[in-house]
Amino acid sequence: MIQLSPTAIGELKRLQKKHLPNGQLRIVVDTSGCKGLAYQMQFTETPQAGDQVFACEDIQVVVDRASIKYLSGLTLDYTEDLMGGGFRFYNPNAVETCSCGHSFAIAS
């Protein structure tokens, strides 16, 4: 299961309206970043075969089969502060994260 905070939902709705009004949020884990794995987000029009779809208010979150094992239990938040805001990933599967918060490592 993936959860979105109220502030993340608000920002995603704003971005969705601007970029792809009928789209769904796709979250993917890619093998990159300083810790080995990195989050990628984009709006997509339709899920692919094998994707899991999570409903969070008006936002549909799509996760592919390969990424779900890294994202189970993830909470996506959005913050705005003086030192720079943005999306924050709270992932119970991550044992280490980089300072930007977009790259992570899991236990081997």
C-alpha atoms as a PDB file:
ATOM      1  CA  MET A   1       0.000   0.000   0.000  1.00  0.00           C
ATOM      2  CA  ILE A   2       1.142   3.529  -0.775  1.00  0.00           C
ATOM      3  CA  GLN A   3      -0.146   6.593   1.037  1.00  0.00           C
ATOM      4  CA  LEU A   4      -0.108  10.269   0.139  1.00  0.00           C
ATOM      5  CA  SER A   5      -0.167  13.044   2.721  1.00  0.00           C
ATOM      6  CA  PRO A   6      -2.787  15.784   2.325  1.00  0.00           C
ATOM      7  CA  THR A   7      -0.081  18.242   1.202  1.00  0.00           C
ATOM      8  CA  ALA A   8       1.226  15.749  -1.378  1.00  0.00           C
ATOM      9  CA  ILE A   9      -2.302  15.240  -2.701  1.00  0.00           C
ATOM     10  CA  GLY A  10      -2.760  18.997  -3.042  1.00  0.00           C
ATOM     11  CA  GLU A  11       0.499  19.474  -4.943  1.00  0.00           C
ATOM     12  CA  LEU A  12      -0.092  16.428  -7.141  1.00  0.00           C
ATOM     13  CA  LYS A  13      -3.567  17.700  -8.058  1.00  0.00           C
ATOM     14  CA  ARG A  14      -2.019  21.045  -9.026  1.00  0.00           C
ATOM     15  CA  LEU A  15       0.658  19.372 -11.157  1.00  0.00           C
ATOM     16  CA  GLN A  16      -1.796  16.909 -12.660  1.00  0.00           C
ATOM     17  CA  LYS A  17      -4.103  19.725 -13.766  1.00  0.00           C
ATOM     18  CA  LYS A  18      -1.142  21.512 -15.367  1.00  0.00           C
ATOM     19  CA  HIS A  19       0.498  18.519 -17.098  1.00  0.00           C
ATOM     20  CA  LEU A  20      -1.981  15.676 -17.642  1.00  0.00           C
ATOM     21  CA  PRO A  21      -5.478  16.343 -16.227  1.00  0.00           C
ATOM     22  CA  ASN A  22      -6.710  12.762 -16.634  1.00  0.00           C
ATOM     23  CA  GLY A  23      -3.385  11.149 -15.827  1.00  0.00           C
ATOM     24  CA  GLN A  24      -2.226   8.897 -13.054  1.00  0.00           C
ATOM     25  CA  LEU A  25       0.917   9.253 -10.975  1.00  0.00           C
ATOM     26  CA  ARG A  26       3.492   6.573 -11.784  1.00  0.00           C
ATOM     27  CA  ILE A  27       6.187   5.939  -9.162  1.00  0.00           C
ATOM     28  CA  VAL A  28       9.115   3.801 -10.284  1.00  0.00           C
ATOM     29  CA  VAL A  29      12.282   2.651  -8.547  1.00  0.00           C
ATOM     30  CA  ASP A  30      15.319   2.838 -10.803  1.00  0.00           C
ATOM     31  CA  THR A  31      18.830   1.493 -10.210  1.00  0.00           C
ATOM     32  CA  SER A  32      20.621   4.822  -9.967  1.00  0.00           C
ATOM     33  CA  GLY A  33      21.478   7.502  -7.457  1.00  0.00           C
ATOM     34  CA  CYS A  34      24.208   7.655  -4.865  1.00  0.00           C
ATOM     35  CA  LYS A  35      22.651   4.908  -2.707  1.00  0.00           C
ATOM     36  CA  GLY A  36      21.879   2.499  -5.564  1.00  0.00           C
ATOM     37  CA  LEU A  37      18.126   2.983  -5.971  1.00  0.00           C
ATOM     38  CA  ALA A  38      16.205   6.138  -6.835  1.00  0.00           C
ATOM     39  CA  TYR A  39      12.590   7.221  -7.020  1.00  0.00           C
ATOM     40  CA  GLN A  40      11.161   8.459 -10.324  1.00  0.00           C
ATOM     41  CA  MET A  41       7.735  10.065 -10.678  1.00  0.00           C
ATOM     42  CA  GLN A  42       5.756  11.017 -13.759  1.00  0.00           C
ATOM     43  CA  PHE A  43       2.188  11.296 -14.915  1.00  0.00           C
ATOM     44  CA  THR A  44       0.977   8.583 -17.250  1.00  0.00           C
ATOM     45  CA  GLU A  45      -2.260   8.023 -19.113  1.00  0.00           C
ATOM     46  CA  THR A  46      -2.850   4.312 -18.559  1.00  0.00           C
ATOM     47  CA  PRO A  47      -1.479   1.542 -16.360  1.00  0.00           C
ATOM     48  CA  GLN A  48       0.459  -1.306 -17.964  1.00  0.00           C
ATOM     49  CA  ALA A  49      -0.219  -5.015 -17.497  1.00  0.00           C
ATOM     50  CA  GLY A  50       0.949  -6.101 -14.050  1.00  0.00           C
ATOM     51  CA  ASP A  51       0.831  -2.601 -12.519  1.00  0.00           C
ATOM     52  CA  GLN A  52      -0.759  -2.067  -9.147  1.00  0.00           C
ATOM     53  CA  VAL A  53      -3.018   0.954  -8.760  1.00  0.00           C
ATOM     54  CA  PHE A  54      -3.639   2.687  -5.430  1.00  0.00           C
ATOM     55  CA  ALA A  55      -6.389   5.264  -4.967  1.00  0.00           C
ATOM     56  CA  CYS A  56      -5.554   8.230  -2.755  1.00  0.00           C
ATOM     57  CA  GLU A  57      -8.508  10.614  -2.917  1.00  0.00           C
ATOM     58  CA  ASP A  58      -8.573  11.850  -6.527  1.00  0.00           C
ATOM     59  CA  ILE A  59      -5.027  10.683  -7.285  1.00  0.00           C
ATOM     60  CA  GLN A  60      -4.396   7.246  -8.772  1.00  0.00           C
ATOM     61  CA  VAL A  61      -0.873   5.984  -7.979  1.00  0.00           C
ATOM     62  CA  VAL A  62       0.509   3.373 -10.383  1.00  0.00           C
ATOM     63  CA  VAL A  63       3.452   1.118  -9.456  1.00  0.00           C
ATOM     64  CA  ASP A  64       5.029  -1.491 -11.710  1.00  0.00           C
ATOM     65  CA  ARG A  65       5.655  -5.077 -10.655  1.00  0.00           C
ATOM     66  CA  ALA A  66       9.427  -4.612 -10.212  1.00  0.00           C
ATOM     67  CA  SER A  67       9.092  -1.488  -8.034  1.00  0.00           C
ATOM     68  CA  ILE A  68       6.340  -2.588  -5.649  1.00  0.00           C
ATOM     69  CA  LYS A  69       8.710  -4.639  -3.478  1.00  0.00           C
ATOM     70  CA  TYR A  70      10.671  -1.456  -2.709  1.00  0.00           C
ATOM     71  CA  LEU A  71       7.635   0.789  -2.219  1.00  0.00           C
ATOM     72  CA  SER A  72       5.279  -1.218  -0.033  1.00  0.00           C
ATOM     73  CA  GLY A  73       4.329   0.974   2.916  1.00  0.00           C
ATOM     74  CA  LEU A  74       5.665   4.183   1.310  1.00  0.00           C
ATOM     75  CA  THR A  75       4.232   7.537   2.350  1.00  0.00           C
ATOM     76  CA  LEU A  76       4.751  10.426  -0.047  1.00  0.00           C
ATOM     77  CA  ASP A  77       4.682  13.893   1.501  1.00  0.00           C
ATOM     78  CA  TYR A  78       5.182  17.407   0.151  1.00  0.00           C
ATOM     79  CA  THR A  79       6.721  20.271   2.083  1.00  0.00           C
ATOM     80  CA  GLU A  80       7.521  23.898   1.432  1.00  0.00           C
ATOM     81  CA  ASP A  81      10.134  25.505   3.618  1.00  0.00           C
ATOM     82  CA  LEU A  82      12.864  28.143   3.525  1.00  0.00           C
ATOM     83  CA  MET A  83      15.602  25.636   2.724  1.00  0.00           C
ATOM     84  CA  GLY A  84      13.775  24.161  -0.239  1.00  0.00           C
ATOM     85  CA  GLY A  85      10.602  22.207  -0.460  1.00  0.00           C
ATOM     86  CA  GLY A  86       9.548  19.274  -2.520  1.00  0.00           C
ATOM     87  CA  PHE A  87       8.317  15.729  -2.331  1.00  0.00           C
ATOM     88  CA  ARG A  88       9.600  13.620   0.545  1.00  0.00           C
ATOM     89  CA  PHE A  89       9.602   9.824   0.514  1.00  0.00           C
ATOM     90  CA  TYR A  90       9.095   7.991   3.817  1.00  0.00           C
ATOM     91  CA  ASN A  91       9.934   4.419   2.945  1.00  0.00           C
ATOM     92  CA  PRO A  92       9.989   1.740   5.673  1.00  0.00           C
ATOM     93  CA  ASN A  93      12.036  -0.510   3.348  1.00  0.00           C
ATOM     94  CA  ALA A  94      14.939   1.959   3.070  1.00  0.00           C
ATOM     95  CA  VAL A  95      17.853   1.338   5.432  1.00  0.00           C
ATOM     96  CA  GLU A  96      19.804   4.338   4.165  1.00  0.00           C
ATOM     97  CA  THR A  97      18.925   7.476   2.185  1.00  0.00           C
ATOM     98  CA  CYS A  98      20.965  10.224   0.573  1.00  0.00           C
ATOM     99  CA  SER A  99      20.751  13.817   1.712  1.00  0.00           C
ATOM    100  CA  CYS A 100      18.357  14.783  -1.098  1.00  0.00           C
ATOM    101  CA  GLY A 101      16.002  11.953  -0.094  1.00  0.00           C
ATOM    102  CA  HIS A 102      15.494  10.658  -3.632  1.00  0.00           C
ATOM    103  CA  SER A 103      18.076   7.865  -3.506  1.00  0.00           C
ATOM    104  CA  PHE A 104      18.003   4.975  -1.069  1.00  0.00           C
ATOM    105  CA  ALA A 105      19.392   1.565  -0.208  1.00  0.00           C
ATOM    106  CA  ILE A 106      17.644  -1.506   1.123  1.00  0.00           C
ATOM    107  CA  ALA A 107      18.953  -4.350   3.269  1.00  0.00           C
ATOM    108  CA  SER A 108      20.543  -7.070   1.158  1.00  0.00           C
END
